[in-house]
Protein backbone atom coordinates (compact mmCIF):
# COMPACT_ATOMS: atom_id res chain seq x y z
CA MET A 1 94.12 88.78 107.34
CA VAL A 2 96.75 90.79 105.52
CA TYR A 3 95.46 93.75 103.54
CA LEU A 4 98.18 94.27 100.94
CA VAL A 5 97.99 97.71 99.33
CA TRP A 6 99.79 99.28 96.39
CA HIS A 7 99.92 103.04 97.04
CA GLY A 8 97.88 105.40 94.88
CA GLN A 9 98.84 106.94 91.58
CA THR A 10 101.79 109.27 91.06
CA ASP A 11 102.54 111.27 87.94
CA TRP A 12 105.33 108.81 87.16
CA ASN A 13 102.79 105.96 87.30
CA LEU A 14 100.45 107.95 85.06
CA PHE A 15 103.14 108.73 82.50
CA LYS A 16 104.68 105.23 82.70
CA ARG A 17 108.05 106.13 84.19
CA ALA A 18 110.19 103.68 86.17
CA ASN A 19 109.77 104.82 89.76
CA GLY A 20 111.97 102.70 92.03
CA SER A 21 113.75 104.47 94.85
CA THR A 22 113.09 108.00 93.58
CA ASP A 23 110.82 109.78 96.06
CA THR A 24 107.72 110.91 94.19
CA PHE A 25 104.38 112.04 95.57
CA LEU A 26 100.78 111.11 94.97
CA ASN A 27 98.94 113.11 92.34
CA ARG A 28 95.27 114.16 92.72
CA THR A 29 94.08 110.76 91.54
CA GLY A 30 96.33 109.02 94.08
CA ILE A 31 94.98 111.18 96.90
CA GLU A 32 91.40 110.42 95.85
CA GLN A 33 92.25 106.70 95.67
CA GLY A 34 93.46 106.96 99.27
CA LYS A 35 90.23 108.59 100.41
CA LEU A 36 88.15 105.93 98.65
CA LEU A 37 90.18 103.12 100.20
CA ALA A 38 89.95 104.74 103.65
CA GLU A 39 86.18 104.72 103.30
CA GLU A 40 86.18 101.11 102.10
CA LEU A 41 88.33 99.95 105.03
CA LYS A 42 86.81 102.19 107.73
CA ASP A 43 85.20 99.28 109.59
CA VAL A 44 88.32 97.09 109.62
CA CYS A 45 90.14 97.03 112.94
CA PHE A 46 93.85 96.70 112.17
CA ASP A 47 96.21 95.21 114.73
CA ALA A 48 99.30 96.45 112.90
CA CYS A 49 100.29 98.59 109.95
CA TYR A 50 103.56 98.37 108.00
CA CYS A 51 104.49 100.90 105.34
CA SER A 52 107.32 101.81 103.04
CA PRO A 53 108.98 105.03 104.22
CA GLN A 54 108.97 106.43 100.67
CA ALA A 55 106.87 109.58 100.31
CA ARG A 56 104.18 108.19 97.97
CA ALA A 57 103.50 105.15 100.18
CA ARG A 58 103.69 107.15 103.42
CA GLN A 59 101.32 109.76 102.02
CA PHE A 60 98.84 107.09 100.91
CA CYS A 61 99.05 105.16 104.17
CA GLU A 62 98.42 108.28 106.25
CA ILE A 63 95.24 108.95 104.25
CA VAL A 64 93.99 105.36 104.63
CA TYR A 65 95.02 104.62 108.21
CA LYS A 66 95.02 106.86 111.29
CA GLY A 67 96.71 104.51 113.78
CA SER A 68 100.33 103.75 114.59
CA ILE A 69 102.42 102.97 111.49
CA GLU A 70 105.66 101.01 111.39
CA PHE A 71 107.79 102.38 108.54
CA ASP A 72 110.08 99.62 107.35
CA ASP A 73 112.91 100.08 104.84
CA ARG A 74 112.39 96.53 103.58
CA LEU A 75 109.18 97.80 101.94
CA VAL A 76 111.03 100.34 99.79
CA GLU A 77 110.55 99.78 96.05
CA ILE A 78 113.34 98.02 94.15
CA ASN A 79 116.16 100.38 93.21
CA CYS A 80 115.94 100.84 89.45
CA GLY A 81 119.41 102.41 89.18
CA GLU A 82 119.94 104.22 85.89
CA PHE A 83 116.43 103.20 84.80
CA GLU A 84 114.81 105.52 87.37
CA GLY A 85 112.54 107.99 85.58
CA MET A 86 112.90 106.33 82.20
CA GLU A 87 109.84 105.73 80.04
CA GLU A 88 108.62 102.15 80.54
CA THR A 89 109.01 100.80 77.04
CA GLU A 90 109.37 97.13 76.10
CA GLU A 91 113.08 97.67 75.44
CA MET A 92 113.59 99.46 78.78
CA TRP A 93 111.87 96.61 80.67
CA LYS A 94 113.93 94.01 78.85
CA SER A 95 117.17 95.81 79.80
CA PHE A 96 115.96 96.42 83.37
CA LEU A 97 114.99 92.79 83.94
CA GLN A 98 118.39 91.75 82.66
CA ALA A 99 120.21 94.25 84.92
CA ILE A 100 118.43 93.23 88.15
CA GLN A 101 119.57 89.64 87.74
CA THR A 102 122.97 90.72 89.06
CA GLY A 103 122.46 94.33 90.16
CA ASP A 104 124.09 95.83 87.07
CA ARG A 105 123.63 99.47 86.02
CA GLY A 106 123.07 100.64 89.58
CA THR A 107 120.02 98.45 90.20
CA GLU A 108 119.30 96.36 93.24
CA SER A 109 119.59 92.67 92.46
CA ILE A 110 116.30 90.81 92.36
CA GLY A 111 117.73 88.29 94.82
CA ALA A 112 118.43 90.98 97.42
CA PHE A 113 115.02 92.55 96.81
CA ILE A 114 113.18 89.26 97.27
CA LYS A 115 115.26 88.43 100.36
CA ARG A 116 114.46 91.66 102.21
CA ASN A 117 110.75 91.40 101.45
CA THR A 118 110.50 87.72 102.41
CA GLU A 119 112.33 88.41 105.69
CA LEU A 120 109.70 90.99 106.57
CA CYS A 121 106.90 88.61 105.58
CA ASP A 122 108.38 85.86 107.77
CA GLU A 123 108.39 88.29 110.71
CA ILE A 124 104.81 89.37 110.07
CA ILE A 125 103.67 85.75 109.84
CA GLU A 126 105.40 84.95 113.14
CA VAL A 127 104.41 88.07 115.10
CA GLN A 128 101.03 88.94 113.58
CA ASN A 129 99.64 85.46 112.93
CA GLY A 130 95.84 85.59 112.67
CA LYS A 131 95.68 89.37 113.13
CA ASN A 132 94.50 92.08 110.74
CA VAL A 133 97.58 93.66 109.20
CA LEU A 134 97.75 96.54 106.73
CA ILE A 135 100.80 96.67 104.44
CA VAL A 136 101.20 99.72 102.18
CA THR A 137 103.97 99.42 99.64
CA HIS A 138 104.90 99.46 95.94
CA ALA A 139 104.09 97.39 92.86
CA ALA A 140 107.13 95.08 92.86
CA ASN A 141 106.88 94.55 96.62
CA THR A 142 103.26 93.46 96.34
CA ARG A 143 104.33 90.67 93.99
CA VAL A 144 106.94 89.34 96.40
CA ILE A 145 104.68 89.67 99.45
CA ASN A 146 101.87 87.88 97.61
CA TYR A 147 104.38 85.14 96.71
CA CYS A 148 105.28 84.71 100.40
CA PHE A 149 101.75 84.56 101.71
CA ILE A 150 100.51 82.08 99.10
CA GLY A 151 103.25 79.61 99.98
CA LYS A 152 106.19 80.51 97.68
CA PRO A 153 105.13 78.39 94.68
CA ARG A 154 107.92 77.31 92.33
CA ASP A 155 106.07 78.45 89.23
CA TYR A 156 105.28 81.95 90.56
CA ASP A 157 105.34 84.73 87.93
CA PHE A 158 107.00 87.78 89.51
CA ASN A 159 106.18 89.83 86.40
CA LYS A 160 102.41 89.53 86.88
CA ARG A 161 100.62 92.39 88.68
CA VAL A 162 98.71 91.19 91.76
CA VAL A 163 96.94 94.42 92.77
CA ASP A 164 96.11 97.70 91.07
CA SER A 165 97.34 101.10 92.23
CA GLY A 166 95.27 102.40 95.13
CA LYS A 167 93.68 99.00 95.77
CA TYR A 168 94.27 96.01 98.04
CA ILE A 169 94.17 92.24 98.04
CA LEU A 170 93.47 90.01 101.03
CA LEU A 171 95.97 87.36 102.06
CA ALA A 172 95.58 84.84 104.85
CA ASN A 173 98.23 84.93 107.57
């Protein structure tokens, strides 16, 4: 099984700021979320653990999991370009979603983002098939990873949250 985790809360999450590739850290709530998840998963024997190298994900993963961690750049959050740190208003999201179609305004294109995440998923499926795998990453990544593990449906809604901050979902591998 794949345990897909969105790291715990940061102040930018709390105050609804776009938090792509900017390195932010967990706040007190995020640290507590990590401790709670560690307790919840304490009896799970993981065969592998993959994590974004960004500080907030790394920090969360190291609270939850005490084994060997593979930090993989493909799990880095989408680069939000000039939207980094901006308040997440309806207008900001509309402009951001438009920009990532082609990578305008310093953003990473959604195509490149999906490609790097699906490549990692394909590797995990091949190498870790049937094993317990922990993946700690970011909100947008969880959507793409979920998409991969449920069979890449044509009508998939990439805008829909699949897991809450500090929580996990189970996916069959």
